[in-house]
PDB file of N, CA and C in Angstrom:
ATOM      1  N   MET A   1      81.889  90.945  99.052  1.00  0.00           N
ATOM      2  CA  MET A   1      82.018  90.541  97.806  1.00  0.00           C
ATOM      3  C   MET A   1      83.508  90.888  97.506  1.00  0.00           C
ATOM      4  N   GLY A   2      83.026  92.490  97.523  1.00  0.00           N
ATOM      5  CA  GLY A   2      84.167  93.403  97.422  1.00  0.00           C
ATOM      6  C   GLY A   2      85.650  93.136  97.733  1.00  0.00           C
ATOM      7  N   TYR A   3      85.875  92.979  98.875  1.00  0.00           N
ATOM      8  CA  TYR A   3      86.936  92.479  99.260  1.00  0.00           C
ATOM      9  C   TYR A   3      87.645  91.087  99.276  1.00  0.00           C
ATOM     10  N   LYS A   4      86.296  90.222  98.712  1.00  0.00           N
ATOM     11  CA  LYS A   4      87.395  89.167  98.089  1.00  0.00           C
ATOM     12  C   LYS A   4      87.884  89.136  96.803  1.00  0.00           C
ATOM     13  N   ILE A   5      87.399  89.958  95.926  1.00  0.00           N
ATOM     14  CA  ILE A   5      88.091  90.171  94.597  1.00  0.00           C
ATOM     15  C   ILE A   5      89.066  90.984  94.620  1.00  0.00           C
ATOM     16  N   PHE A   6      89.245  92.033  95.757  1.00  0.00           N
ATOM     17  CA  PHE A   6      90.382  92.976  95.944  1.00  0.00           C
ATOM     18  C   PHE A   6      91.746  91.983  96.679  1.00  0.00           C
ATOM     19  N   SER A   7      91.316  91.200  97.462  1.00  0.00           N
ATOM     20  CA  SER A   7      91.765  90.234  98.204  1.00  0.00           C
ATOM     21  C   SER A   7      92.672  89.388  96.632  1.00  0.00           C
ATOM     22  N   ILE A   8      91.995  88.439  96.017  1.00  0.00           N
ATOM     23  CA  ILE A   8      92.390  87.753  94.850  1.00  0.00           C
ATOM     24  C   ILE A   8      93.284  88.674  93.901  1.00  0.00           C
ATOM     25  N   ILE A   9      92.884  89.839  93.798  1.00  0.00           N
ATOM     26  CA  ILE A   9      93.727  90.619  92.565  1.00  0.00           C
ATOM     27  C   ILE A   9      95.196  90.833  93.119  1.00  0.00           C
ATOM     28  N   PHE A  10      94.942  91.060  94.695  1.00  0.00           N
ATOM     29  CA  PHE A  10      96.227  91.692  95.274  1.00  0.00           C
ATOM     30  C   PHE A  10      97.349  90.281  95.489  1.00  0.00           C
ATOM     31  N   ILE A  11      96.659  89.144  95.673  1.00  0.00           N
ATOM     32  CA  ILE A  11      97.274  88.010  95.897  1.00  0.00           C
ATOM     33  C   ILE A  11      97.918  87.300  94.354  1.00  0.00           C
ATOM     34  N   LEU A  12      97.052  87.667  93.486  1.00  0.00           N
ATOM     35  CA  LEU A  12      97.750  87.477  92.406  1.00  0.00           C
ATOM     36  C   LEU A  12      99.020  88.540  92.277  1.00  0.00           C
ATOM     37  N   CYS A  13      98.858  89.706  92.452  1.00  0.00           N
ATOM     38  CA  CYS A  13      99.843  90.867  92.236  1.00  0.00           C
ATOM     39  C   CYS A  13     101.187  90.118  93.480  1.00  0.00           C
ATOM     40  N   GLY A  14     101.274  89.659  94.514  1.00  0.00           N
ATOM     41  CA  GLY A  14     102.109  89.248  94.948  1.00  0.00           C
ATOM     42  C   GLY A  14     102.737  87.792  94.421  1.00  0.00           C
ATOM     43  N   LEU A  15     101.873  87.028  93.991  1.00  0.00           N
ATOM     44  CA  LEU A  15     102.381  85.753  93.171  1.00  0.00           C
ATOM     45  C   LEU A  15     103.364  86.328  91.902  1.00  0.00           C
ATOM     46  N   PHE A  16     102.966  87.629  90.915  1.00  0.00           N
ATOM     47  CA  PHE A  16     103.785  87.870  90.231  1.00  0.00           C
ATOM     48  C   PHE A  16     104.884  88.437  90.654  1.00  0.00           C
ATOM     49  N   VAL A  17     105.104  89.438  91.872  1.00  0.00           N
ATOM     50  CA  VAL A  17     106.027  89.898  91.678  1.00  0.00           C
ATOM     51  C   VAL A  17     107.009  88.582  92.848  1.00  0.00           C
ATOM     52  N   MET A  18     106.757  87.555  93.143  1.00  0.00           N
ATOM     53  CA  MET A  18     107.673  86.594  93.362  1.00  0.00           C
ATOM     54  C   MET A  18     108.367  85.977  92.244  1.00  0.00           C
ATOM     55  N   TRP A  19     107.038  85.520  91.132  1.00  0.00           N
ATOM     56  CA  TRP A  19     107.498  84.899  89.715  1.00  0.00           C
ATOM     57  C   TRP A  19     108.486  85.826  89.340  1.00  0.00           C
ATOM     58  N   PHE A  20     108.725  87.251  89.411  1.00  0.00           N
ATOM     59  CA  PHE A  20     109.376  87.804  88.728  1.00  0.00           C
ATOM     60  C   PHE A  20     110.744  88.282  89.263  1.00  0.00           C
ATOM     61  N   ALA A  21     111.001  87.920  90.873  1.00  0.00           N
ATOM     62  CA  ALA A  21     112.254  87.938  91.324  1.00  0.00           C
ATOM     63  C   ALA A  21     112.652  86.472  91.066  1.00  0.00           C
ATOM     64  N   ILE A  22     112.171  85.373  90.995  1.00  0.00           N
ATOM     65  CA  ILE A  22     112.568  84.314  90.594  1.00  0.00           C
ATOM     66  C   ILE A  22     113.304  84.074  89.195  1.00  0.00           C
ATOM     67  N   PHE A  23     112.493  84.509  88.279  1.00  0.00           N
ATOM     68  CA  PHE A  23     112.785  84.139  86.614  1.00  0.00           C
ATOM     69  C   PHE A  23     113.093  85.737  86.196  1.00  0.00           C
ATOM     70  N   GLY A  24     112.914  86.527  86.647  1.00  0.00           N
ATOM     71  CA  GLY A  24     113.209  88.273  86.032  1.00  0.00           C
ATOM     72  C   GLY A  24     114.932  88.153  85.763  1.00  0.00           C
ATOM     73  N   LYS A  25     114.828  89.083  84.610  1.00  0.00           N
ATOM     74  CA  LYS A  25     116.442  88.950  84.425  1.00  0.00           C
ATOM     75  C   LYS A  25     117.278  90.213  84.884  1.00  0.00           C
ATOM     76  N   LYS A  26     118.450  89.936  85.306  1.00  0.00           N
ATOM     77  CA  LYS A  26     118.985  90.763  85.950  1.00  0.00           C
ATOM     78  C   LYS A  26     118.608  92.838  85.728  1.00  0.00           C
ATOM     79  N   LYS A  27     118.775  92.904  84.240  1.00  0.00           N
ATOM     80  CA  LYS A  27     118.472  94.207  83.910  1.00  0.00           C
ATOM     81  C   LYS A  27     116.984  95.141  84.034  1.00  0.00           C
ATOM     82  N   GLU A  28     115.770  94.066  84.474  1.00  0.00           N
ATOM     83  CA  GLU A  28     114.578  94.079  84.409  1.00  0.00           C
ATOM     84  C   GLU A  28     114.582  94.094  86.093  1.00  0.00           C
ATOM     85  N   ILE A  29     115.154  93.316  86.931  1.00  0.00           N
ATOM     86  CA  ILE A  29     115.008  93.765  88.457  1.00  0.00           C
ATOM     87  C   ILE A  29     115.779  94.869  88.580  1.00  0.00           C
ATOM     88  N   LYS A  30     116.843  95.148  88.072  1.00  0.00           N
ATOM     89  CA  LYS A  30     117.528  96.585  88.380  1.00  0.00           C
ATOM     90  C   LYS A  30     116.550  97.574  87.926  1.00  0.00           C
ATOM     91  N   GLU A  31     115.699  97.675  86.939  1.00  0.00           N
ATOM     92  CA  GLU A  31     114.880  98.489  86.392  1.00  0.00           C
ATOM     93  C   GLU A  31     113.749  98.596  87.315  1.00  0.00           C
ATOM     94  N   PHE A  32     113.295  97.646  88.188  1.00  0.00           N
ATOM     95  CA  PHE A  32     112.216  97.552  88.681  1.00  0.00           C
ATOM     96  C   PHE A  32     112.555  98.369  89.900  1.00  0.00           C
ATOM     97  N   GLY A  33     110.964  99.468  90.030  1.00  0.00           N
ATOM     98  CA  GLY A  33     111.139 100.258  90.861  1.00  0.00           C
ATOM     99  C   GLY A  33     110.023 101.166  91.216  1.00  0.00           C
ATOM    100  N   SER A  34     109.689 102.624  92.156  1.00  0.00           N
ATOM    101  CA  SER A  34     108.547 102.957  92.305  1.00  0.00           C
ATOM    102  C   SER A  34     108.529 103.819  91.640  1.00  0.00           C
ATOM    103  N   GLY A  35     109.398 104.121  90.418  1.00  0.00           N
ATOM    104  CA  GLY A  35     109.190 105.684  89.448  1.00  0.00           C
ATOM    105  C   GLY A  35     109.770 106.587  90.243  1.00  0.00           C
ATOM    106  N   VAL A  36     109.500 107.795  89.923  1.00  0.00           N
ATOM    107  CA  VAL A  36     109.865 109.183  90.908  1.00  0.00           C
ATOM    108  C   VAL A  36     109.371 109.240  92.235  1.00  0.00           C
ATOM    109  N   PRO A  37     110.212 109.223  92.848  1.00  0.00           N
ATOM    110  CA  PRO A  37     110.166 109.575  94.261  1.00  0.00           C
ATOM    111  C   PRO A  37     109.286 110.449  94.671  1.00  0.00           C
ATOM    112  N   THR A  38     108.331 110.602  95.814  1.00  0.00           N
ATOM    113  CA  THR A  38     107.730 111.590  95.986  1.00  0.00           C
ATOM    114  C   THR A  38     107.685 112.023  97.116  1.00  0.00           C
ATOM    115  N   ASN A  39     108.571 111.418  98.445  1.00  0.00           N
ATOM    116  CA  ASN A  39     109.210 112.221  99.500  1.00  0.00           C
ATOM    117  C   ASN A  39     110.405 111.387 100.044  1.00  0.00           C
ATOM    118  N   PHE A  40     111.144 111.979 100.954  1.00  0.00           N
ATOM    119  CA  PHE A  40     112.664 111.895 101.344  1.00  0.00           C
ATOM    120  C   PHE A  40     112.480 110.348 101.340  1.00  0.00           C
ATOM    121  N   ILE A  41     111.614 109.831 102.446  1.00  0.00           N
ATOM    122  CA  ILE A  41     111.533 108.265 102.230  1.00  0.00           C
ATOM    123  C   ILE A  41     112.216 107.632 101.252  1.00  0.00           C
ATOM    124  N   ASP A  42     110.970 107.544 100.315  1.00  0.00           N
ATOM    125  CA  ASP A  42     111.026 107.131  99.012  1.00  0.00           C
ATOM    126  C   ASP A  42     112.572 107.468  98.463  1.00  0.00           C
ATOM    127  N   VAL A  43     112.986 108.762  98.351  1.00  0.00           N
ATOM    128  CA  VAL A  43     114.551 108.685  97.970  1.00  0.00           C
ATOM    129  C   VAL A  43     115.783 107.892  98.719  1.00  0.00           C
ATOM    130  N   ILE A  44     115.422 107.963 100.046  1.00  0.00           N
ATOM    131  CA  ILE A  44     116.378 106.911 100.859  1.00  0.00           C
ATOM    132  C   ILE A  44     116.200 105.622 100.409  1.00  0.00           C
ATOM    133  N   LEU A  45     114.875 104.923 100.231  1.00  0.00           N
ATOM    134  CA  LEU A  45     114.891 103.453 100.099  1.00  0.00           C
ATOM    135  C   LEU A  45     115.053 103.418  98.407  1.00  0.00           C
ATOM    136  N   MET A  46     114.828 104.095  97.611  1.00  0.00           N
ATOM    137  CA  MET A  46     115.164 103.990  96.100  1.00  0.00           C
ATOM    138  C   MET A  46     116.778 104.252  95.898  1.00  0.00           C
ATOM    139  N   MET A  47     117.434 104.880  97.070  1.00  0.00           N
ATOM    140  CA  MET A  47     118.881 104.662  96.805  1.00  0.00           C
ATOM    141  C   MET A  47     119.306 103.619  97.347  1.00  0.00           C
ATOM    142  N   ILE A  48     118.768 102.868  98.450  1.00  0.00           N
ATOM    143  CA  ILE A  48     119.373 101.785  98.887  1.00  0.00           C
ATOM    144  C   ILE A  48     119.286 100.681  98.020  1.00  0.00           C
ATOM    145  N   TYR A  49     118.023 100.649  97.298  1.00  0.00           N
ATOM    146  CA  TYR A  49     117.512  99.850  96.519  1.00  0.00           C
ATOM    147  C   TYR A  49     118.448  99.154  95.057  1.00  0.00           C
ATOM    148  N   LYS A  50     118.849 100.900  94.696  1.00  0.00           N
ATOM    149  CA  LYS A  50     119.649 100.901  93.549  1.00  0.00           C
ATOM    150  C   LYS A  50     120.902 100.679  94.135  1.00  0.00           C
ATOM    151  N   LEU A  51     121.587 100.575  94.703  1.00  0.00           N
ATOM    152  CA  LEU A  51     122.958 100.388  95.408  1.00  0.00           C
ATOM    153  C   LEU A  51     123.056  98.887  95.969  1.00  0.00           C
ATOM    154  N   LEU A  52     122.488  98.160  95.904  1.00  0.00           N
ATOM    155  CA  LEU A  52     122.074  96.693  96.744  1.00  0.00           C
ATOM    156  C   LEU A  52     122.697  95.944  95.224  1.00  0.00           C
ATOM    157  N   PRO A  53     123.400  94.721  95.842  1.00  0.00           N
ATOM    158  CA  PRO A  53     123.801  93.642  94.610  1.00  0.00           C
ATOM    159  C   PRO A  53     122.179  93.150  94.025  1.00  0.00           C
ATOM    160  N   SER A  54     122.625  92.754  92.752  1.00  0.00           N
ATOM    161  CA  SER A  54     120.804  92.000  92.097  1.00  0.00           C
ATOM    162  C   SER A  54     120.778  90.435  93.360  1.00  0.00           C
ATOM    163  N   ILE A  55     121.260  89.930  93.525  1.00  0.00           N
ATOM    164  CA  ILE A  55     120.550  88.731  94.712  1.00  0.00           C
ATOM    165  C   ILE A  55     119.847  89.176  95.464  1.00  0.00           C
ATOM    166  N   ILE A  56     120.628  90.373  96.397  1.00  0.00           N
ATOM    167  CA  ILE A  56     119.718  91.159  97.298  1.00  0.00           C
ATOM    168  C   ILE A  56     118.263  91.569  97.048  1.00  0.00           C
ATOM    169  N   ARG A  57     118.345  92.133  95.743  1.00  0.00           N
ATOM    170  CA  ARG A  57     117.386  92.782  95.253  1.00  0.00           C
ATOM    171  C   ARG A  57     116.058  91.644  94.780  1.00  0.00           C
ATOM    172  N   LYS A  58     116.902  90.661  94.470  1.00  0.00           N
ATOM    173  CA  LYS A  58     115.953  89.057  94.181  1.00  0.00           C
ATOM    174  C   LYS A  58     115.234  88.565  95.729  1.00  0.00           C
ATOM    175  N   ILE A  59     115.928  88.461  96.450  1.00  0.00           N
ATOM    176  CA  ILE A  59     115.532  88.342  97.715  1.00  0.00           C
ATOM    177  C   ILE A  59     114.682  89.251  97.972  1.00  0.00           C
ATOM    178  N   LEU A  60     114.893  90.334  98.240  1.00  0.00           N
ATOM    179  CA  LEU A  60     113.729  91.101  98.494  1.00  0.00           C
ATOM    180  C   LEU A  60     112.511  91.430  98.200  1.00  0.00           C
ATOM    181  N   LEU A  61     112.799  91.327  96.382  1.00  0.00           N
ATOM    182  CA  LEU A  61     111.517  91.040  95.685  1.00  0.00           C
ATOM    183  C   LEU A  61     110.616  90.013  96.019  1.00  0.00           C
ATOM    184  N   PHE A  62     110.869  88.953  96.177  1.00  0.00           N
ATOM    185  CA  PHE A  62     110.507  87.674  96.726  1.00  0.00           C
ATOM    186  C   PHE A  62     109.994  88.028  98.204  1.00  0.00           C
ATOM    187  N   ALA A  63     110.640  88.548  99.020  1.00  0.00           N
ATOM    188  CA  ALA A  63     110.464  88.873  99.895  1.00  0.00           C
ATOM    189  C   ALA A  63     108.905  89.220 100.554  1.00  0.00           C
ATOM    190  N   LEU A  64     108.963  90.720  99.696  1.00  0.00           N
ATOM    191  CA  LEU A  64     108.091  91.519  99.079  1.00  0.00           C
ATOM    192  C   LEU A  64     106.694  90.578  98.518  1.00  0.00           C
ATOM    193  N   GLY A  65     106.618  90.233  97.706  1.00  0.00           N
ATOM    194  CA  GLY A  65     105.671  89.357  96.772  1.00  0.00           C
ATOM    195  C   GLY A  65     105.020  88.316  97.796  1.00  0.00           C
ATOM    196  N   LEU A  66     105.939  87.891  98.612  1.00  0.00           N
ATOM    197  CA  LEU A  66     105.869  86.729  99.516  1.00  0.00           C
ATOM    198  C   LEU A  66     104.730  87.354 100.527  1.00  0.00           C
ATOM    199  N   ALA A  67     104.744  88.182 101.435  1.00  0.00           N
ATOM    200  CA  ALA A  67     104.469  88.982 102.288  1.00  0.00           C
ATOM    201  C   ALA A  67     103.239  89.893 101.992  1.00  0.00           C
ATOM    202  N   ILE A  68     102.919  89.983 100.549  1.00  0.00           N
ATOM    203  CA  ILE A  68     101.597  90.765 100.100  1.00  0.00           C
ATOM    204  C   ILE A  68     100.672  89.396  99.853  1.00  0.00           C
ATOM    205  N   SER A  69     101.341  88.489  99.508  1.00  0.00           N
ATOM    206  CA  SER A  69     100.256  87.130  98.722  1.00  0.00           C
ATOM    207  C   SER A  69      99.802  86.372 100.593  1.00  0.00           C
ATOM    208  N   ILE A  70     100.533  86.514 101.339  1.00  0.00           N
ATOM    209  CA  ILE A  70     100.464  86.174 102.905  1.00  0.00           C
ATOM    210  C   ILE A  70      99.316  87.020 103.536  1.00  0.00           C
ATOM    211  N   GLY A  71      99.544  88.148 103.323  1.00  0.00           N
ATOM    212  CA  GLY A  71      98.589  89.243 103.978  1.00  0.00           C
ATOM    213  C   GLY A  71      97.434  89.098 103.598  1.00  0.00           C
ATOM    214  N   PHE A  72      97.371  88.866 102.345  1.00  0.00           N
ATOM    215  CA  PHE A  72      95.741  89.334 101.084  1.00  0.00           C
ATOM    216  C   PHE A  72      95.177  87.769 101.586  1.00  0.00           C
ATOM    217  N   THR A  73      96.152  86.543 101.778  1.00  0.00           N
ATOM    218  CA  THR A  73      95.477  85.516 101.856  1.00  0.00           C
ATOM    219  C   THR A  73      94.821  85.144 103.354  1.00  0.00           C
ATOM    220  N   TYR A  74      95.627  86.360 104.209  1.00  0.00           N
ATOM    221  CA  TYR A  74      95.238  85.686 105.715  1.00  0.00           C
ATOM    222  C   TYR A  74      93.855  86.824 105.787  1.00  0.00           C
ATOM    223  N   ILE A  75      93.539  88.042 105.067  1.00  0.00           N
ATOM    224  CA  ILE A  75      92.563  88.743 104.882  1.00  0.00           C
ATOM    225  C   ILE A  75      91.335  88.323 104.320  1.00  0.00           C
ATOM    226  N   LEU A  76      91.652  87.533 103.459  1.00  0.00           N
ATOM    227  CA  LEU A  76      90.803  86.723 102.533  1.00  0.00           C
ATOM    228  C   LEU A  76      89.633  85.958 103.542  1.00  0.00           C
ATOM    229  N   PHE A  77      90.840  84.884 103.902  1.00  0.00           N
ATOM    230  CA  PHE A  77      90.030  83.494 105.273  1.00  0.00           C
ATOM    231  C   PHE A  77      89.288  84.129 106.284  1.00  0.00           C
ATOM    232  N   LYS A  78      90.234  85.368 106.767  1.00  0.00           N
ATOM    233  CA  LYS A  78      89.859  86.107 108.144  1.00  0.00           C
ATOM    234  C   LYS A  78      88.322  86.779 107.732  1.00  0.00           C
ATOM    235  N   MET A  79      87.925  87.088 106.547  1.00  0.00           N
ATOM    236  CA  MET A  79      86.981  87.976 106.570  1.00  0.00           C
ATOM    237  C   MET A  79      85.649  86.831 105.968  1.00  0.00           C
ATOM    238  N   TRP A  80      86.245  85.598 105.998  1.00  0.00           N
ATOM    239  CA  TRP A  80      85.210  84.710 105.213  1.00  0.00           C
ATOM    240  C   TRP A  80      84.160  84.266 106.167  1.00  0.00           C
TER     241      TRP A  80
END
């Protein structure tokens, strides 16, 4: 039961990220990030993300949301 609720919450989070990628404003998408980087890989990824144009950021956010939704939908139906 717990994994079903967990999966549904993350599916909704993935859908929110996809919605944000499509309907979010440029300024909101530019500020969207993980906050303070905690390790070197985070620093590199944050620099790459900040240097990319807005359309590429939208595509990456949409792909991230899609991957989250598909992955947790698979988990939900696989464990059913």
